Amino acid sequence: MYDSWNTLCAFAFTVDKIEVPKSIGNPMETGLFVRSLGSPRGQVRDFRGNVDGSSLGIHIVEFIGHYEVHVDHFDPYKKPIEHLIVDSPGTLLEIPLLLRLMKKR
């Protein structure tokens, strides 16, 4: 299973995103990925893996019937601000709203 996920992640560098059947197995079992957060898109959970020697990051989004794999320009654990600006600008726009909601409590 490790080799399958490793190969898929390498392939993800050449395309925008890839859809992977759940039959490939849980990415957590490889030891390459950790549970993470992602922008809500109806997913079950998110996983992230880092790319050694690079600011890139692998993002796996688990849905009920499949996984989606894509490469982030910036790994949020290595470069969080850059990740928000480039890879998740919608989240960046939601921060003022979150701060206002927290202030009301």
C-alpha atoms as a PDB file:
ATOM      1  CA  MET A   1       0.000   0.000   0.000  1.00  0.00           C
ATOM      2  CA  TYR A   2       2.930   2.339   0.752  1.00  0.00           C
ATOM      3  CA  ASP A   3       4.186   1.996  -2.832  1.00  0.00           C
ATOM      4  CA  SER A   4       0.722   2.690  -4.258  1.00  0.00           C
ATOM      5  CA  TRP A   5       0.292   5.927  -2.321  1.00  0.00           C
ATOM      6  CA  ASN A   6       3.880   6.956  -3.054  1.00  0.00           C
ATOM      7  CA  THR A   7       3.297   6.437  -6.788  1.00  0.00           C
ATOM      8  CA  LEU A   8      -0.019   8.332  -6.699  1.00  0.00           C
ATOM      9  CA  CYS A   9       1.591  11.268  -4.935  1.00  0.00           C
ATOM     10  CA  ALA A  10       4.365  11.375  -7.537  1.00  0.00           C
ATOM     11  CA  PHE A  11       1.714  11.342 -10.284  1.00  0.00           C
ATOM     12  CA  ALA A  12      -0.152  14.193  -8.550  1.00  0.00           C
ATOM     13  CA  PHE A  13       2.782  16.486  -9.379  1.00  0.00           C
ATOM     14  CA  THR A  14       1.939  16.172 -13.083  1.00  0.00           C
ATOM     15  CA  VAL A  15      -1.815  16.885 -12.928  1.00  0.00           C
ATOM     16  CA  ASP A  16      -4.186  19.271 -11.169  1.00  0.00           C
ATOM     17  CA  LYS A  17      -5.755  16.576  -8.984  1.00  0.00           C
ATOM     18  CA  ILE A  18      -6.437  12.880  -9.160  1.00  0.00           C
ATOM     19  CA  GLU A  19      -9.379  10.849  -7.956  1.00  0.00           C
ATOM     20  CA  VAL A  20      -8.443   7.587  -6.242  1.00  0.00           C
ATOM     21  CA  PRO A  21     -10.777   4.704  -5.332  1.00  0.00           C
ATOM     22  CA  LYS A  22     -11.084   3.842  -1.642  1.00  0.00           C
ATOM     23  CA  SER A  23      -9.985   0.291  -2.461  1.00  0.00           C
ATOM     24  CA  ILE A  24      -6.367   1.511  -2.482  1.00  0.00           C
ATOM     25  CA  GLY A  25      -6.468   1.617   1.330  1.00  0.00           C
ATOM     26  CA  ASN A  26      -6.209   4.210   4.067  1.00  0.00           C
ATOM     27  CA  PRO A  27      -3.354   6.684   3.539  1.00  0.00           C
ATOM     28  CA  MET A  28      -2.741   6.827   7.303  1.00  0.00           C
ATOM     29  CA  GLU A  29      -1.554   3.223   7.251  1.00  0.00           C
ATOM     30  CA  THR A  30       1.466   4.212   5.138  1.00  0.00           C
ATOM     31  CA  GLY A  31       2.994   6.447   7.791  1.00  0.00           C
ATOM     32  CA  LEU A  32       3.430   9.155   5.133  1.00  0.00           C
ATOM     33  CA  PHE A  33       0.436  11.274   6.115  1.00  0.00           C
ATOM     34  CA  VAL A  34      -1.125  12.923   9.148  1.00  0.00           C
ATOM     35  CA  ARG A  35      -4.732  13.944   9.767  1.00  0.00           C
ATOM     36  CA  SER A  36      -5.295  17.560   8.917  1.00  0.00           C
ATOM     37  CA  LEU A  37      -7.890  20.199   8.183  1.00  0.00           C
ATOM     38  CA  GLY A  38      -9.090  21.456   4.854  1.00  0.00           C
ATOM     39  CA  SER A  39     -11.693  23.835   3.512  1.00  0.00           C
ATOM     40  CA  PRO A  40     -15.111  22.177   3.926  1.00  0.00           C
ATOM     41  CA  ARG A  41     -16.173  20.490   0.683  1.00  0.00           C
ATOM     42  CA  GLY A  42     -18.293  17.648   2.024  1.00  0.00           C
ATOM     43  CA  GLN A  43     -15.302  15.488   2.822  1.00  0.00           C
ATOM     44  CA  VAL A  44     -15.001  12.901   5.567  1.00  0.00           C
ATOM     45  CA  ARG A  45     -11.458  13.956   6.536  1.00  0.00           C
ATOM     46  CA  ASP A  46      -8.207  15.405   5.214  1.00  0.00           C
ATOM     47  CA  PHE A  47      -4.636  14.127   5.274  1.00  0.00           C
ATOM     48  CA  ARG A  48      -1.372  15.885   4.517  1.00  0.00           C
ATOM     49  CA  GLY A  49       2.111  14.752   3.718  1.00  0.00           C
ATOM     50  CA  ASN A  50       5.226  16.832   3.309  1.00  0.00           C
ATOM     51  CA  VAL A  51       7.700  16.837   0.469  1.00  0.00           C
ATOM     52  CA  ASP A  52      11.216  16.740   1.904  1.00  0.00           C
ATOM     53  CA  GLY A  53      13.446  19.607   0.822  1.00  0.00           C
ATOM     54  CA  SER A  54      10.521  21.566  -0.611  1.00  0.00           C
ATOM     55  CA  SER A  55       7.773  23.954   0.428  1.00  0.00           C
ATOM     56  CA  LEU A  56       5.243  21.796  -1.461  1.00  0.00           C
ATOM     57  CA  GLY A  57       2.731  19.588   0.338  1.00  0.00           C
ATOM     58  CA  ILE A  58       0.526  16.642  -0.604  1.00  0.00           C
ATOM     59  CA  HIS A  59      -3.148  17.059   0.345  1.00  0.00           C
ATOM     60  CA  ILE A  60      -5.471  14.053   0.343  1.00  0.00           C
ATOM     61  CA  VAL A  61      -9.176  14.755   0.738  1.00  0.00           C
ATOM     62  CA  GLU A  62     -11.290  11.742   1.703  1.00  0.00           C
ATOM     63  CA  PHE A  63     -14.866  11.596   0.490  1.00  0.00           C
ATOM     64  CA  ILE A  64     -17.356   8.779   1.146  1.00  0.00           C
ATOM     65  CA  GLY A  65     -16.565   6.935  -2.085  1.00  0.00           C
ATOM     66  CA  HIS A  66     -13.079   8.091  -3.074  1.00  0.00           C
ATOM     67  CA  TYR A  67      -9.981  10.147  -2.276  1.00  0.00           C
ATOM     68  CA  GLU A  68      -8.789  13.242  -4.107  1.00  0.00           C
ATOM     69  CA  VAL A  69      -5.069  13.956  -4.171  1.00  0.00           C
ATOM     70  CA  HIS A  70      -3.468  17.263  -5.127  1.00  0.00           C
ATOM     71  CA  VAL A  71      -0.240  19.131  -4.499  1.00  0.00           C
ATOM     72  CA  ASP A  72      -0.351  22.367  -2.523  1.00  0.00           C
ATOM     73  CA  HIS A  73       2.135  25.056  -3.547  1.00  0.00           C
ATOM     74  CA  PHE A  74       2.877  25.590   0.146  1.00  0.00           C
ATOM     75  CA  ASP A  75       2.694  22.995   2.906  1.00  0.00           C
ATOM     76  CA  PRO A  76       0.594  24.620   5.668  1.00  0.00           C
ATOM     77  CA  TYR A  77       2.912  23.203   8.355  1.00  0.00           C
ATOM     78  CA  LYS A  78       6.025  24.717   6.739  1.00  0.00           C
ATOM     79  CA  LYS A  79       4.621  27.974   5.322  1.00  0.00           C
ATOM     80  CA  PRO A  80       1.166  28.673   6.813  1.00  0.00           C
ATOM     81  CA  ILE A  81       0.765  32.275   5.615  1.00  0.00           C
ATOM     82  CA  GLU A  82       1.822  31.447   2.069  1.00  0.00           C
ATOM     83  CA  HIS A  83      -0.503  28.430   2.114  1.00  0.00           C
ATOM     84  CA  LEU A  84      -3.465  30.612   3.076  1.00  0.00           C
ATOM     85  CA  ILE A  85      -2.673  33.228   0.429  1.00  0.00           C
ATOM     86  CA  VAL A  86      -1.972  30.867  -2.484  1.00  0.00           C
ATOM     87  CA  ASP A  87      -3.643  27.516  -1.754  1.00  0.00           C
ATOM     88  CA  SER A  88      -6.575  28.522   0.424  1.00  0.00           C
ATOM     89  CA  PRO A  89      -7.477  32.168  -0.165  1.00  0.00           C
ATOM     90  CA  GLY A  90     -11.121  31.502   0.747  1.00  0.00           C
ATOM     91  CA  THR A  91     -10.034  30.589   4.268  1.00  0.00           C
ATOM     92  CA  LEU A  92      -8.061  33.801   4.484  1.00  0.00           C
ATOM     93  CA  LEU A  93     -11.199  35.768   3.595  1.00  0.00           C
ATOM     94  CA  GLU A  94     -13.166  33.992   6.335  1.00  0.00           C
ATOM     95  CA  ILE A  95     -10.799  35.014   9.160  1.00  0.00           C
ATOM     96  CA  PRO A  96     -12.393  38.464   9.769  1.00  0.00           C
ATOM     97  CA  LEU A  97     -15.813  36.806  10.044  1.00  0.00           C
ATOM     98  CA  LEU A  98     -14.466  34.258  12.512  1.00  0.00           C
ATOM     99  CA  LEU A  99     -12.865  36.990  14.610  1.00  0.00           C
ATOM    100  CA  ARG A 100     -16.160  38.908  14.717  1.00  0.00           C
ATOM    101  CA  LEU A 101     -18.044  35.802  15.807  1.00  0.00           C
ATOM    102  CA  MET A 102     -15.496  35.095  18.528  1.00  0.00           C
ATOM    103  CA  LYS A 103     -15.700  38.685  19.758  1.00  0.00           C
ATOM    104  CA  LYS A 104     -19.477  38.415  20.260  1.00  0.00           C
ATOM    105  CA  ARG A 105     -19.087  35.583  22.769  1.00  0.00           C
END
